[in-house]
Amino acid sequence: MKSFKQFHEAAIAAPLVGAGVKTLLKVGGAYAAAKGGEKILKDLLGTPSRPKDTNWVKNPKDKVDDELNVRQGQAKDKAKNKDFDSEMKAYRKGKKNLSPEDQVQRLKDAAAKHRKNKK
């Protein structure tokens, strides 16, 4: 009795017995393409026992992802610093109408709202 693998190989080879060279080349090309696609998928996604890390923030796959990550970080920083930025914008607009003491006080108030660097 044949094993499943032997039966499968025989079933694939049976139509090729009387085939011409062109047919054999086509079948060989299709087989090579399937193996190539399998390799690409394994490289991209990994195997079930060793899956790849698809966290594109930590491991960007190309320059586009890297640029998107930078822009998302900038948008988050802008949202965190919104209070400070609005204070400074108001200070710059009304600077000429304030006395020097008021200017210093406004700057101190804005500095209190500034998010500190974590370095």
PDB file of N, CA and C in Angstrom:
ATOM      1  N   MET A   1       0.848  -1.177   0.000  1.00  0.00           N
ATOM      2  CA  MET A   1       0.000   0.000   0.000  1.00  0.00           C
ATOM      3  C   MET A   1       0.896   1.243   0.000  1.00  0.00           C
ATOM      4  N   LYS A   2       0.541   2.233  -0.811  1.00  0.00           N
ATOM      5  CA  LYS A   2       1.320   3.463  -0.921  1.00  0.00           C
ATOM      6  C   LYS A   2       0.954   4.416   0.220  1.00  0.00           C
ATOM      7  N   SER A   3       1.948   5.174   0.647  1.00  0.00           N
ATOM      8  CA  SER A   3       1.652   6.219   1.630  1.00  0.00           C
ATOM      9  C   SER A   3       0.997   7.393   0.898  1.00  0.00           C
ATOM     10  N   PHE A   4       0.460   8.314   1.645  1.00  0.00           N
ATOM     11  CA  PHE A   4      -0.207   9.462   1.027  1.00  0.00           C
ATOM     12  C   PHE A   4       0.778  10.270   0.202  1.00  0.00           C
ATOM     13  N   LYS A   5       2.005  10.441   0.698  1.00  0.00           N
ATOM     14  CA  LYS A   5       3.001  11.223  -0.014  1.00  0.00           C
ATOM     15  C   LYS A   5       3.352  10.558  -1.346  1.00  0.00           C
ATOM     16  N   GLN A   6       3.537   9.237  -1.355  1.00  0.00           N
ATOM     17  CA  GLN A   6       3.844   8.526  -2.596  1.00  0.00           C
ATOM     18  C   GLN A   6       2.669   8.627  -3.571  1.00  0.00           C
ATOM     19  N   PHE A   7       1.453   8.510  -3.055  1.00  0.00           N
ATOM     20  CA  PHE A   7       0.267   8.615  -3.901  1.00  0.00           C
ATOM     21  C   PHE A   7       0.179  10.008  -4.507  1.00  0.00           C
ATOM     22  N   HIS A   8       0.464  11.034  -3.695  1.00  0.00           N
ATOM     23  CA  HIS A   8       0.401  12.423  -4.138  1.00  0.00           C
ATOM     24  C   HIS A   8       1.443  12.678  -5.232  1.00  0.00           C
ATOM     25  N   GLU A   9       2.665  12.190  -5.031  1.00  0.00           N
ATOM     26  CA  GLU A   9       3.716  12.362  -6.029  1.00  0.00           C
ATOM     27  C   GLU A   9       3.360  11.647  -7.324  1.00  0.00           C
ATOM     28  N   ALA A  10       2.782  10.458  -7.233  1.00  0.00           N
ATOM     29  CA  ALA A  10       2.385   9.708  -8.424  1.00  0.00           C
ATOM     30  C   ALA A  10       1.268  10.428  -9.165  1.00  0.00           C
ATOM     31  N   ALA A  11       0.355  11.029  -8.428  1.00  0.00           N
ATOM     32  CA  ALA A  11      -0.750  11.751  -9.048  1.00  0.00           C
ATOM     33  C   ALA A  11      -0.256  12.995  -9.778  1.00  0.00           C
ATOM     34  N   ILE A  12       0.761  13.611  -9.248  1.00  0.00           N
ATOM     35  CA  ILE A  12       1.316  14.798  -9.905  1.00  0.00           C
ATOM     36  C   ILE A  12       2.115  14.390 -11.140  1.00  0.00           C
ATOM     37  N   ALA A  13       2.872  13.319 -11.042  1.00  0.00           N
ATOM     38  CA  ALA A  13       3.741  12.902 -12.134  1.00  0.00           C
ATOM     39  C   ALA A  13       2.981  12.232 -13.270  1.00  0.00           C
ATOM     40  N   ALA A  14       1.814  11.640 -13.032  1.00  0.00           N
ATOM     41  CA  ALA A  14       1.078  10.894 -14.046  1.00  0.00           C
ATOM     42  C   ALA A  14       0.764  11.728 -15.281  1.00  0.00           C
ATOM     43  N   PRO A  15       0.238  12.923 -15.174  1.00  0.00           N
ATOM     44  CA  PRO A  15      -0.057  13.689 -16.386  1.00  0.00           C
ATOM     45  C   PRO A  15       1.207  14.119 -17.120  1.00  0.00           C
ATOM     46  N   LEU A  16       2.340  14.140 -16.441  1.00  0.00           N
ATOM     47  CA  LEU A  16       3.560  14.630 -17.052  1.00  0.00           C
ATOM     48  C   LEU A  16       4.312  13.566 -17.843  1.00  0.00           C
ATOM     49  N   VAL A  17       3.882  12.322 -17.781  1.00  0.00           N
ATOM     50  CA  VAL A  17       4.603  11.230 -18.446  1.00  0.00           C
ATOM     51  C   VAL A  17       4.640  11.451 -19.953  1.00  0.00           C
ATOM     52  N   GLY A  18       3.539  11.803 -20.561  1.00  0.00           N
ATOM     53  CA  GLY A  18       3.487  11.994 -22.006  1.00  0.00           C
ATOM     54  C   GLY A  18       3.576  13.462 -22.397  1.00  0.00           C
ATOM     55  N   ALA A  19       3.935  14.338 -21.486  1.00  0.00           N
ATOM     56  CA  ALA A  19       3.934  15.770 -21.752  1.00  0.00           C
ATOM     57  C   ALA A  19       5.170  16.189 -22.525  1.00  0.00           C
ATOM     58  N   GLY A  20       5.040  17.297 -23.218  1.00  0.00           N
ATOM     59  CA  GLY A  20       6.162  17.837 -23.976  1.00  0.00           C
ATOM     60  C   GLY A  20       7.039  18.722 -23.099  1.00  0.00           C
ATOM     61  N   VAL A  21       8.069  19.264 -23.727  1.00  0.00           N
ATOM     62  CA  VAL A  21       9.041  20.102 -23.013  1.00  0.00           C
ATOM     63  C   VAL A  21       8.384  21.382 -22.515  1.00  0.00           C
ATOM     64  N   LYS A  22       7.529  22.002 -23.339  1.00  0.00           N
ATOM     65  CA  LYS A  22       6.875  23.252 -22.945  1.00  0.00           C
ATOM     66  C   LYS A  22       6.007  23.042 -21.711  1.00  0.00           C
ATOM     67  N   THR A  23       5.278  21.955 -21.694  1.00  0.00           N
ATOM     68  CA  THR A  23       4.413  21.666 -20.545  1.00  0.00           C
ATOM     69  C   THR A  23       5.244  21.450 -19.294  1.00  0.00           C
ATOM     70  N   LEU A  24       6.337  20.718 -19.426  1.00  0.00           N
ATOM     71  CA  LEU A  24       7.208  20.493 -18.269  1.00  0.00           C
ATOM     72  C   LEU A  24       7.792  21.795 -17.742  1.00  0.00           C
ATOM     73  N   LEU A  25       8.168  22.685 -18.659  1.00  0.00           N
ATOM     74  CA  LEU A  25       8.703  23.986 -18.222  1.00  0.00           C
ATOM     75  C   LEU A  25       7.640  24.815 -17.503  1.00  0.00           C
ATOM     76  N   LYS A  26       6.411  24.770 -18.003  1.00  0.00           N
ATOM     77  CA  LYS A  26       5.325  25.514 -17.350  1.00  0.00           C
ATOM     78  C   LYS A  26       5.066  24.973 -15.955  1.00  0.00           C
ATOM     79  N   VAL A  27       5.008  23.655 -15.835  1.00  0.00           N
ATOM     80  CA  VAL A  27       4.760  23.041 -14.529  1.00  0.00           C
ATOM     81  C   VAL A  27       5.916  23.347 -13.583  1.00  0.00           C
ATOM     82  N   GLY A  28       7.142  23.267 -14.089  1.00  0.00           N
ATOM     83  CA  GLY A  28       8.310  23.583 -13.265  1.00  0.00           C
ATOM     84  C   GLY A  28       8.307  25.033 -12.817  1.00  0.00           C
ATOM     85  N   GLY A  29       7.906  25.927 -13.717  1.00  0.00           N
ATOM     86  CA  GLY A  29       7.826  27.352 -13.364  1.00  0.00           C
ATOM     87  C   GLY A  29       6.771  27.620 -12.311  1.00  0.00           C
ATOM     88  N   ALA A  30       5.622  26.956 -12.450  1.00  0.00           N
ATOM     89  CA  ALA A  30       4.551  27.129 -11.460  1.00  0.00           C
ATOM     90  C   ALA A  30       4.994  26.606 -10.100  1.00  0.00           C
ATOM     91  N   TYR A  31       5.684  25.470 -10.110  1.00  0.00           N
ATOM     92  CA  TYR A  31       6.188  24.905  -8.854  1.00  0.00           C
ATOM     93  C   TYR A  31       7.208  25.845  -8.208  1.00  0.00           C
ATOM     94  N   ALA A  32       8.116  26.410  -9.002  1.00  0.00           N
ATOM     95  CA  ALA A  32       9.124  27.330  -8.468  1.00  0.00           C
ATOM     96  C   ALA A  32       8.464  28.599  -7.918  1.00  0.00           C
ATOM     97  N   ALA A  33       7.436  29.082  -8.618  1.00  0.00           N
ATOM     98  CA  ALA A  33       6.729  30.278  -8.148  1.00  0.00           C
ATOM     99  C   ALA A  33       6.030  30.008  -6.827  1.00  0.00           C
ATOM    100  N   ALA A  34       5.449  28.833  -6.700  1.00  0.00           N
ATOM    101  CA  ALA A  34       4.771  28.491  -5.444  1.00  0.00           C
ATOM    102  C   ALA A  34       5.774  28.414  -4.300  1.00  0.00           C
ATOM    103  N   LYS A  35       6.931  27.817  -4.551  1.00  0.00           N
ATOM    104  CA  LYS A  35       7.964  27.731  -3.510  1.00  0.00           C
ATOM    105  C   LYS A  35       8.479  29.119  -3.153  1.00  0.00           C
ATOM    106  N   GLY A  36       8.657  29.978  -4.163  1.00  0.00           N
ATOM    107  CA  GLY A  36       9.116  31.344  -3.917  1.00  0.00           C
ATOM    108  C   GLY A  36       8.115  32.129  -3.081  1.00  0.00           C
ATOM    109  N   GLY A  37       6.823  31.959  -3.398  1.00  0.00           N
ATOM    110  CA  GLY A  37       5.784  32.640  -2.623  1.00  0.00           C
ATOM    111  C   GLY A  37       5.746  32.161  -1.188  1.00  0.00           C
ATOM    112  N   GLU A  38       5.957  30.870  -1.020  1.00  0.00           N
ATOM    113  CA  GLU A  38       5.988  30.302   0.334  1.00  0.00           C
ATOM    114  C   GLU A  38       7.145  30.908   1.130  1.00  0.00           C
ATOM    115  N   LYS A  39       8.292  31.068   0.487  1.00  0.00           N
ATOM    116  CA  LYS A  39       9.462  31.651   1.164  1.00  0.00           C
ATOM    117  C   LYS A  39       9.200  33.109   1.541  1.00  0.00           C
ATOM    118  N   ILE A  40       8.600  33.856   0.629  1.00  0.00           N
ATOM    119  CA  ILE A  40       8.290  35.269   0.903  1.00  0.00           C
ATOM    120  C   ILE A  40       7.358  35.380   2.100  1.00  0.00           C
ATOM    121  N   LEU A  41       6.314  34.550   2.142  1.00  0.00           N
ATOM    122  CA  LEU A  41       5.380  34.592   3.265  1.00  0.00           C
ATOM    123  C   LEU A  41       6.054  34.210   4.575  1.00  0.00           C
ATOM    124  N   LYS A  42       6.939  33.206   4.545  1.00  0.00           N
ATOM    125  CA  LYS A  42       7.649  32.821   5.758  1.00  0.00           C
ATOM    126  C   LYS A  42       8.550  33.953   6.240  1.00  0.00           C
ATOM    127  N   ASP A  43       9.215  34.641   5.291  1.00  0.00           N
ATOM    128  CA  ASP A  43      10.083  35.758   5.670  1.00  0.00           C
ATOM    129  C   ASP A  43       9.278  36.922   6.238  1.00  0.00           C
ATOM    130  N   LEU A  44       8.099  37.146   5.676  1.00  0.00           N
ATOM    131  CA  LEU A  44       7.283  38.274   6.110  1.00  0.00           C
ATOM    132  C   LEU A  44       6.555  38.003   7.420  1.00  0.00           C
ATOM    133  N   LEU A  45       5.930  36.840   7.534  1.00  0.00           N
ATOM    134  CA  LEU A  45       5.090  36.546   8.693  1.00  0.00           C
ATOM    135  C   LEU A  45       5.710  35.569   9.678  1.00  0.00           C
ATOM    136  N   GLY A  46       6.742  34.854   9.261  1.00  0.00           N
ATOM    137  CA  GLY A  46       7.340  33.855  10.127  1.00  0.00           C
ATOM    138  C   GLY A  46       6.578  32.543  10.003  1.00  0.00           C
ATOM    139  N   THR A  47       6.877  31.635  10.880  1.00  0.00           N
ATOM    140  CA  THR A  47       6.192  30.343  10.901  1.00  0.00           C
ATOM    141  C   THR A  47       5.298  30.287  12.124  1.00  0.00           C
ATOM    142  N   PRO A  48       4.384  29.315  12.190  1.00  0.00           N
ATOM    143  CA  PRO A  48       3.517  29.237  13.370  1.00  0.00           C
ATOM    144  C   PRO A  48       4.301  29.067  14.676  1.00  0.00           C
ATOM    145  N   SER A  49       5.417  28.375  14.604  1.00  0.00           N
ATOM    146  CA  SER A  49       6.191  28.185  15.833  1.00  0.00           C
ATOM    147  C   SER A  49       7.046  29.410  16.173  1.00  0.00           C
ATOM    148  N   ARG A  50       7.413  30.195  15.152  1.00  0.00           N
ATOM    149  CA  ARG A  50       8.224  31.409  15.367  1.00  0.00           C
ATOM    150  C   ARG A  50       7.631  32.571  14.561  1.00  0.00           C
ATOM    151  N   PRO A  51       6.536  33.167  15.027  1.00  0.00           N
ATOM    152  CA  PRO A  51       5.945  34.272  14.275  1.00  0.00           C
ATOM    153  C   PRO A  51       6.818  35.529  14.354  1.00  0.00           C
ATOM    154  N   LYS A  52       6.760  36.338  13.303  1.00  0.00           N
ATOM    155  CA  LYS A  52       7.523  37.589  13.260  1.00  0.00           C
ATOM    156  C   LYS A  52       6.777  38.652  14.052  1.00  0.00           C
ATOM    157  N   ASP A  53       7.534  39.602  14.604  1.00  0.00           N
ATOM    158  CA  ASP A  53       6.944  40.734  15.312  1.00  0.00           C
ATOM    159  C   ASP A  53       6.454  41.722  14.263  1.00  0.00           C
ATOM    160  N   THR A  54       5.146  41.962  14.213  1.00  0.00           N
ATOM    161  CA  THR A  54       4.585  42.870  13.218  1.00  0.00           C
ATOM    162  C   THR A  54       4.223  44.217  13.814  1.00  0.00           C
ATOM    163  N   ASN A  55       4.891  44.605  14.870  1.00  0.00           N
ATOM    164  CA  ASN A  55       4.668  45.920  15.451  1.00  0.00           C
ATOM    165  C   ASN A  55       5.444  46.925  14.611  1.00  0.00           C
ATOM    166  N   TRP A  56       4.751  47.608  13.691  1.00  0.00           N
ATOM    167  CA  TRP A  56       5.437  48.481  12.741  1.00  0.00           C
ATOM    168  C   TRP A  56       5.934  49.759  13.395  1.00  0.00           C
ATOM    169  N   VAL A  57       5.502  50.067  14.627  1.00  0.00           N
ATOM    170  CA  VAL A  57       6.027  51.245  15.314  1.00  0.00           C
ATOM    171  C   VAL A  57       7.462  50.986  15.756  1.00  0.00           C
ATOM    172  N   LYS A  58       7.704  49.803  16.337  1.00  0.00           N
ATOM    173  CA  LYS A  58       9.053  49.466  16.783  1.00  0.00           C
ATOM    174  C   LYS A  58       9.924  48.983  15.639  1.00  0.00           C
ATOM    175  N   ASN A  59       9.332  48.293  14.676  1.00  0.00           N
ATOM    176  CA  ASN A  59      10.074  47.719  13.550  1.00  0.00           C
ATOM    177  C   ASN A  59       9.449  48.199  12.239  1.00  0.00           C
ATOM    178  N   PRO A  60       9.683  49.450  11.836  1.00  0.00           N
ATOM    179  CA  PRO A  60       9.063  49.915  10.592  1.00  0.00           C
ATOM    180  C   PRO A  60       9.583  49.112   9.404  1.00  0.00           C
ATOM    181  N   LYS A  61       8.675  48.780   8.494  1.00  0.00           N
ATOM    182  CA  LYS A  61       9.064  47.921   7.381  1.00  0.00           C
ATOM    183  C   LYS A  61       9.654  48.712   6.219  1.00  0.00           C
ATOM    184  N   ASP A  62       9.411  50.018   6.158  1.00  0.00           N
ATOM    185  CA  ASP A  62       9.985  50.821   5.091  1.00  0.00           C
ATOM    186  C   ASP A  62      10.013  52.291   5.497  1.00  0.00           C
ATOM    187  N   LYS A  63      10.445  53.145   4.595  1.00  0.00           N
ATOM    188  CA  LYS A  63      10.582  54.569   4.891  1.00  0.00           C
ATOM    189  C   LYS A  63       9.236  55.238   5.123  1.00  0.00           C
ATOM    190  N   VAL A  64       8.192  54.754   4.454  1.00  0.00           N
ATOM    191  CA  VAL A  64       6.857  55.336   4.616  1.00  0.00           C
ATOM    192  C   VAL A  64       6.366  55.116   6.047  1.00  0.00           C
ATOM    193  N   ASP A  65       6.506  53.892   6.556  1.00  0.00           N
ATOM    194  CA  ASP A  65       6.106  53.619   7.937  1.00  0.00           C
ATOM    195  C   ASP A  65       6.928  54.440   8.914  1.00  0.00           C
ATOM    196  N   ASP A  66       8.212  54.573   8.640  1.00  0.00           N
ATOM    197  CA  ASP A  66       9.080  55.352   9.517  1.00  0.00           C
ATOM    198  C   ASP A  66       8.617  56.810   9.565  1.00  0.00           C
ATOM    199  N   GLU A  67       8.285  57.376   8.405  1.00  0.00           N
ATOM    200  CA  GLU A  67       7.818  58.764   8.345  1.00  0.00           C
ATOM    201  C   GLU A  67       6.463  58.919   9.046  1.00  0.00           C
ATOM    202  N   LEU A  68       5.577  57.951   8.871  1.00  0.00           N
ATOM    203  CA  LEU A  68       4.281  58.008   9.555  1.00  0.00           C
ATOM    204  C   LEU A  68       4.459  57.960  11.072  1.00  0.00           C
ATOM    205  N   ASN A  69       5.387  57.148  11.542  1.00  0.00           N
ATOM    206  CA  ASN A  69       5.655  57.068  12.970  1.00  0.00           C
ATOM    207  C   ASN A  69       6.151  58.404  13.501  1.00  0.00           C
ATOM    208  N   VAL A  70       7.012  59.083  12.736  1.00  0.00           N
ATOM    209  CA  VAL A  70       7.530  60.391  13.154  1.00  0.00           C
ATOM    210  C   VAL A  70       6.393  61.398  13.232  1.00  0.00           C
ATOM    211  N   ARG A  71       5.545  61.411  12.215  1.00  0.00           N
ATOM    212  CA  ARG A  71       4.444  62.387  12.198  1.00  0.00           C
ATOM    213  C   ARG A  71       3.424  62.124  13.312  1.00  0.00           C
ATOM    214  N   GLN A  72       3.176  60.856  13.609  1.00  0.00           N
ATOM    215  CA  GLN A  72       2.258  60.540  14.711  1.00  0.00           C
ATOM    216  C   GLN A  72       2.852  61.013  16.031  1.00  0.00           C
ATOM    217  N   GLY A  73       4.152  60.845  16.200  1.00  0.00           N
ATOM    218  CA  GLY A  73       4.815  61.325  17.420  1.00  0.00           C
ATOM    219  C   GLY A  73       4.723  62.830  17.541  1.00  0.00           C
ATOM    220  N   GLN A  74       4.887  63.541  16.415  1.00  0.00           N
ATOM    221  CA  GLN A  74       4.784  64.996  16.434  1.00  0.00           C
ATOM    222  C   GLN A  74       3.372  65.443  16.799  1.00  0.00           C
ATOM    223  N   ALA A  75       2.365  64.759  16.278  1.00  0.00           N
ATOM    224  CA  ALA A  75       0.978  65.110  16.597  1.00  0.00           C
ATOM    225  C   ALA A  75       0.685  64.886  18.077  1.00  0.00           C
ATOM    226  N   LYS A  76       1.227  63.802  18.653  1.00  0.00           N
ATOM    227  CA  LYS A  76       1.026  63.539  20.084  1.00  0.00           C
ATOM    228  C   LYS A  76       1.704  64.606  20.933  1.00  0.00           C
ATOM    229  N   ASP A  77       2.920  65.003  20.549  1.00  0.00           N
ATOM    230  CA  ASP A  77       3.625  66.050  21.282  1.00  0.00           C
ATOM    231  C   ASP A  77       2.875  67.374  21.201  1.00  0.00           C
ATOM    232  N   LYS A  78       2.326  67.674  20.031  1.00  0.00           N
ATOM    233  CA  LYS A  78       1.575  68.913  19.862  1.00  0.00           C
ATOM    234  C   LYS A  78       0.353  68.933  20.782  1.00  0.00           C
ATOM    235  N   ALA A  79      -0.329  67.800  20.895  1.00  0.00           N
ATOM    236  CA  ALA A  79      -1.504  67.724  21.774  1.00  0.00           C
ATOM    237  C   ALA A  79      -1.104  67.882  23.243  1.00  0.00           C
ATOM    238  N   LYS A  80       0.033  67.316  23.632  1.00  0.00           N
ATOM    239  CA  LYS A  80       0.473  67.422  25.030  1.00  0.00           C
ATOM    240  C   LYS A  80       0.905  68.840  25.385  1.00  0.00           C
ATOM    241  N   ASN A  81       1.467  69.565  24.422  1.00  0.00           N
ATOM    242  CA  ASN A  81       1.984  70.918  24.689  1.00  0.00           C
ATOM    243  C   ASN A  81       1.002  72.019  24.311  1.00  0.00           C
ATOM    244  N   LYS A  82      -0.263  71.673  24.085  1.00  0.00           N
ATOM    245  CA  LYS A  82      -1.237  72.651  23.603  1.00  0.00           C
ATOM    246  C   LYS A  82      -1.411  73.829  24.566  1.00  0.00           C
ATOM    247  N   ASP A  83      -1.484  73.565  25.867  1.00  0.00           N
ATOM    248  CA  ASP A  83      -1.673  74.648  26.840  1.00  0.00           C
ATOM    249  C   ASP A  83      -0.510  75.646  26.794  1.00  0.00           C
ATOM    250  N   PHE A  84       0.704  75.117  26.790  1.00  0.00           N
ATOM    251  CA  PHE A  84       1.888  75.972  26.746  1.00  0.00           C
ATOM    252  C   PHE A  84       1.924  76.781  25.448  1.00  0.00           C
ATOM    253  N   ASP A  85       1.625  76.141  24.338  1.00  0.00           N
ATOM    254  CA  ASP A  85       1.672  76.827  23.048  1.00  0.00           C
ATOM    255  C   ASP A  85       0.643  77.948  22.971  1.00  0.00           C
ATOM    256  N   SER A  86      -0.556  77.711  23.496  1.00  0.00           N
ATOM    257  CA  SER A  86      -1.580  78.762  23.455  1.00  0.00           C
ATOM    258  C   SER A  86      -1.196  79.930  24.364  1.00  0.00           C
ATOM    259  N   GLU A  87      -0.594  79.644  25.511  1.00  0.00           N
ATOM    260  CA  GLU A  87      -0.111  80.721  26.394  1.00  0.00           C
ATOM    261  C   GLU A  87       0.951  81.573  25.698  1.00  0.00           C
ATOM    262  N   MET A  88       1.890  80.904  25.034  1.00  0.00           N
ATOM    263  CA  MET A  88       2.967  81.631  24.361  1.00  0.00           C
ATOM    264  C   MET A  88       2.440  82.435  23.173  1.00  0.00           C
ATOM    265  N   LYS A  89       1.441  81.909  22.473  1.00  0.00           N
ATOM    266  CA  LYS A  89       0.850  82.631  21.353  1.00  0.00           C
ATOM    267  C   LYS A  89       0.160  83.902  21.850  1.00  0.00           C
ATOM    268  N   ALA A  90      -0.574  83.790  22.951  1.00  0.00           N
ATOM    269  CA  ALA A  90      -1.240  84.956  23.528  1.00  0.00           C
ATOM    270  C   ALA A  90      -0.202  85.964  24.024  1.00  0.00           C
ATOM    271  N   TYR A  91       0.884  85.468  24.603  1.00  0.00           N
ATOM    272  CA  TYR A  91       1.953  86.362  25.099  1.00  0.00           C
ATOM    273  C   TYR A  91       2.574  87.133  23.939  1.00  0.00           C
ATOM    274  N   ARG A  92       2.855  86.452  22.835  1.00  0.00           N
ATOM    275  CA  ARG A  92       3.486  87.119  21.686  1.00  0.00           C
ATOM    276  C   ARG A  92       2.573  88.173  21.079  1.00  0.00           C
ATOM    277  N   LYS A  93       1.264  87.905  21.036  1.00  0.00           N
ATOM    278  CA  LYS A  93       0.330  88.870  20.464  1.00  0.00           C
ATOM    279  C   LYS A  93       0.197  90.120  21.333  1.00  0.00           C
ATOM    280  N   GLY A  94       0.136  89.935  22.646  1.00  0.00           N
ATOM    281  CA  GLY A  94      -0.099  91.072  23.535  1.00  0.00           C
ATOM    282  C   GLY A  94       1.156  91.592  24.205  1.00  0.00           C
ATOM    283  N   LYS A  95       2.303  91.225  23.748  1.00  0.00           N
ATOM    284  CA  LYS A  95       3.572  91.584  24.390  1.00  0.00           C
ATOM    285  C   LYS A  95       3.767  93.107  24.476  1.00  0.00           C
ATOM    286  N   LYS A  96       3.423  93.808  23.407  1.00  0.00           N
ATOM    287  CA  LYS A  96       3.661  95.258  23.404  1.00  0.00           C
ATOM    288  C   LYS A  96       2.697  96.008  24.325  1.00  0.00           C
ATOM    289  N   ASN A  97       1.608  95.404  24.771  1.00  0.00           N
ATOM    290  CA  ASN A  97       0.640  96.050  25.648  1.00  0.00           C
ATOM    291  C   ASN A  97       0.901  95.772  27.123  1.00  0.00           C
ATOM    292  N   LEU A  98       1.923  94.961  27.442  1.00  0.00           N
ATOM    293  CA  LEU A  98       2.200  94.580  28.824  1.00  0.00           C
ATOM    294  C   LEU A  98       3.431  95.308  29.359  1.00  0.00           C
ATOM    295  N   SER A  99       3.400  95.566  30.648  1.00  0.00           N
ATOM    296  CA  SER A  99       4.584  96.137  31.293  1.00  0.00           C
ATOM    297  C   SER A  99       5.623  95.020  31.442  1.00  0.00           C
ATOM    298  N   PRO A 100       6.896  95.347  31.657  1.00  0.00           N
ATOM    299  CA  PRO A 100       7.928  94.313  31.809  1.00  0.00           C
ATOM    300  C   PRO A 100       7.640  93.325  32.946  1.00  0.00           C
ATOM    301  N   GLU A 101       7.050  93.812  34.051  1.00  0.00           N
ATOM    302  CA  GLU A 101       6.716  92.908  35.154  1.00  0.00           C
ATOM    303  C   GLU A 101       5.631  91.915  34.745  1.00  0.00           C
ATOM    304  N   ASP A 102       4.622  92.398  34.008  1.00  0.00           N
ATOM    305  CA  ASP A 102       3.563  91.515  33.526  1.00  0.00           C
ATOM    306  C   ASP A 102       4.101  90.495  32.518  1.00  0.00           C
ATOM    307  N   GLN A 103       5.050  90.929  31.695  1.00  0.00           N
ATOM    308  CA  GLN A 103       5.654  90.010  30.732  1.00  0.00           C
ATOM    309  C   GLN A 103       6.367  88.859  31.451  1.00  0.00           C
ATOM    310  N   VAL A 104       7.113  89.212  32.510  1.00  0.00           N
ATOM    311  CA  VAL A 104       7.828  88.191  33.279  1.00  0.00           C
ATOM    312  C   VAL A 104       6.833  87.232  33.929  1.00  0.00           C
ATOM    313  N   GLN A 105       5.757  87.784  34.472  1.00  0.00           N
ATOM    314  CA  GLN A 105       4.743  86.942  35.114  1.00  0.00           C
ATOM    315  C   GLN A 105       4.084  86.001  34.103  1.00  0.00           C
ATOM    316  N   ARG A 106       3.772  86.522  32.911  1.00  0.00           N
ATOM    317  CA  ARG A 106       3.166  85.678  31.865  1.00  0.00           C
ATOM    318  C   ARG A 106       4.110  84.548  31.462  1.00  0.00           C
ATOM    319  N   LEU A 107       5.404  84.865  31.340  1.00  0.00           N
ATOM    320  CA  LEU A 107       6.377  83.832  30.975  1.00  0.00           C
ATOM    321  C   LEU A 107       6.493  82.770  32.069  1.00  0.00           C
ATOM    322  N   LYS A 108       6.437  83.190  33.328  1.00  0.00           N
ATOM    323  CA  LYS A 108       6.499  82.225  34.429  1.00  0.00           C
ATOM    324  C   LYS A 108       5.256  81.323  34.427  1.00  0.00           C
ATOM    325  N   ASP A 109       4.097  81.901  34.159  1.00  0.00           N
ATOM    326  CA  ASP A 109       2.872  81.107  34.093  1.00  0.00           C
ATOM    327  C   ASP A 109       2.938  80.089  32.944  1.00  0.00           C
ATOM    328  N   ALA A 110       3.461  80.530  31.810  1.00  0.00           N
ATOM    329  CA  ALA A 110       3.589  79.624  30.667  1.00  0.00           C
ATOM    330  C   ALA A 110       4.603  78.525  30.970  1.00  0.00           C
ATOM    331  N   ALA A 111       5.693  78.862  31.645  1.00  0.00           N
ATOM    332  CA  ALA A 111       6.718  77.870  31.979  1.00  0.00           C
ATOM    333  C   ALA A 111       6.162  76.818  32.931  1.00  0.00           C
ATOM    334  N   ALA A 112       5.237  77.215  33.796  1.00  0.00           N
ATOM    335  CA  ALA A 112       4.630  76.250  34.714  1.00  0.00           C
ATOM    336  C   ALA A 112       3.781  75.223  33.956  1.00  0.00           C
ATOM    337  N   LYS A 113       3.244  75.612  32.813  1.00  0.00           N
ATOM    338  CA  LYS A 113       2.423  74.692  32.021  1.00  0.00           C
ATOM    339  C   LYS A 113       3.245  73.847  31.058  1.00  0.00           C
ATOM    340  N   HIS A 114       4.534  74.147  30.927  1.00  0.00           N
ATOM    341  CA  HIS A 114       5.373  73.416  29.975  1.00  0.00           C
ATOM    342  C   HIS A 114       5.659  71.998  30.457  1.00  0.00           C
ATOM    343  N   ARG A 115       5.566  71.076  29.526  1.00  0.00           N
ATOM    344  CA  ARG A 115       5.864  69.676  29.835  1.00  0.00           C
ATOM    345  C   ARG A 115       7.391  69.536  29.907  1.00  0.00           C
ATOM    346  N   LYS A 116       7.865  69.013  31.000  1.00  0.00           N
ATOM    347  CA  LYS A 116       9.308  68.919  31.233  1.00  0.00           C
ATOM    348  C   LYS A 116       9.930  67.822  30.373  1.00  0.00           C
ATOM    349  N   ASN A 117      11.170  68.035  29.949  1.00  0.00           N
ATOM    350  CA  ASN A 117      11.904  67.006  29.213  1.00  0.00           C
ATOM    351  C   ASN A 117      12.263  65.885  30.191  1.00  0.00           C
ATOM    352  N   LYS A 118      12.243  64.658  29.714  1.00  0.00           N
ATOM    353  CA  LYS A 118      12.478  63.506  30.595  1.00  0.00           C
ATOM    354  C   LYS A 118      13.904  62.984  30.468  1.00  0.00           C
ATOM    355  N   LYS A 119      14.820  63.814  30.027  1.00  0.00           N
ATOM    356  CA  LYS A 119      16.207  63.373  29.858  1.00  0.00           C
ATOM    357  C   LYS A 119      16.981  63.496  31.148  1.00  0.00           C
TER     358      LYS A 119
END
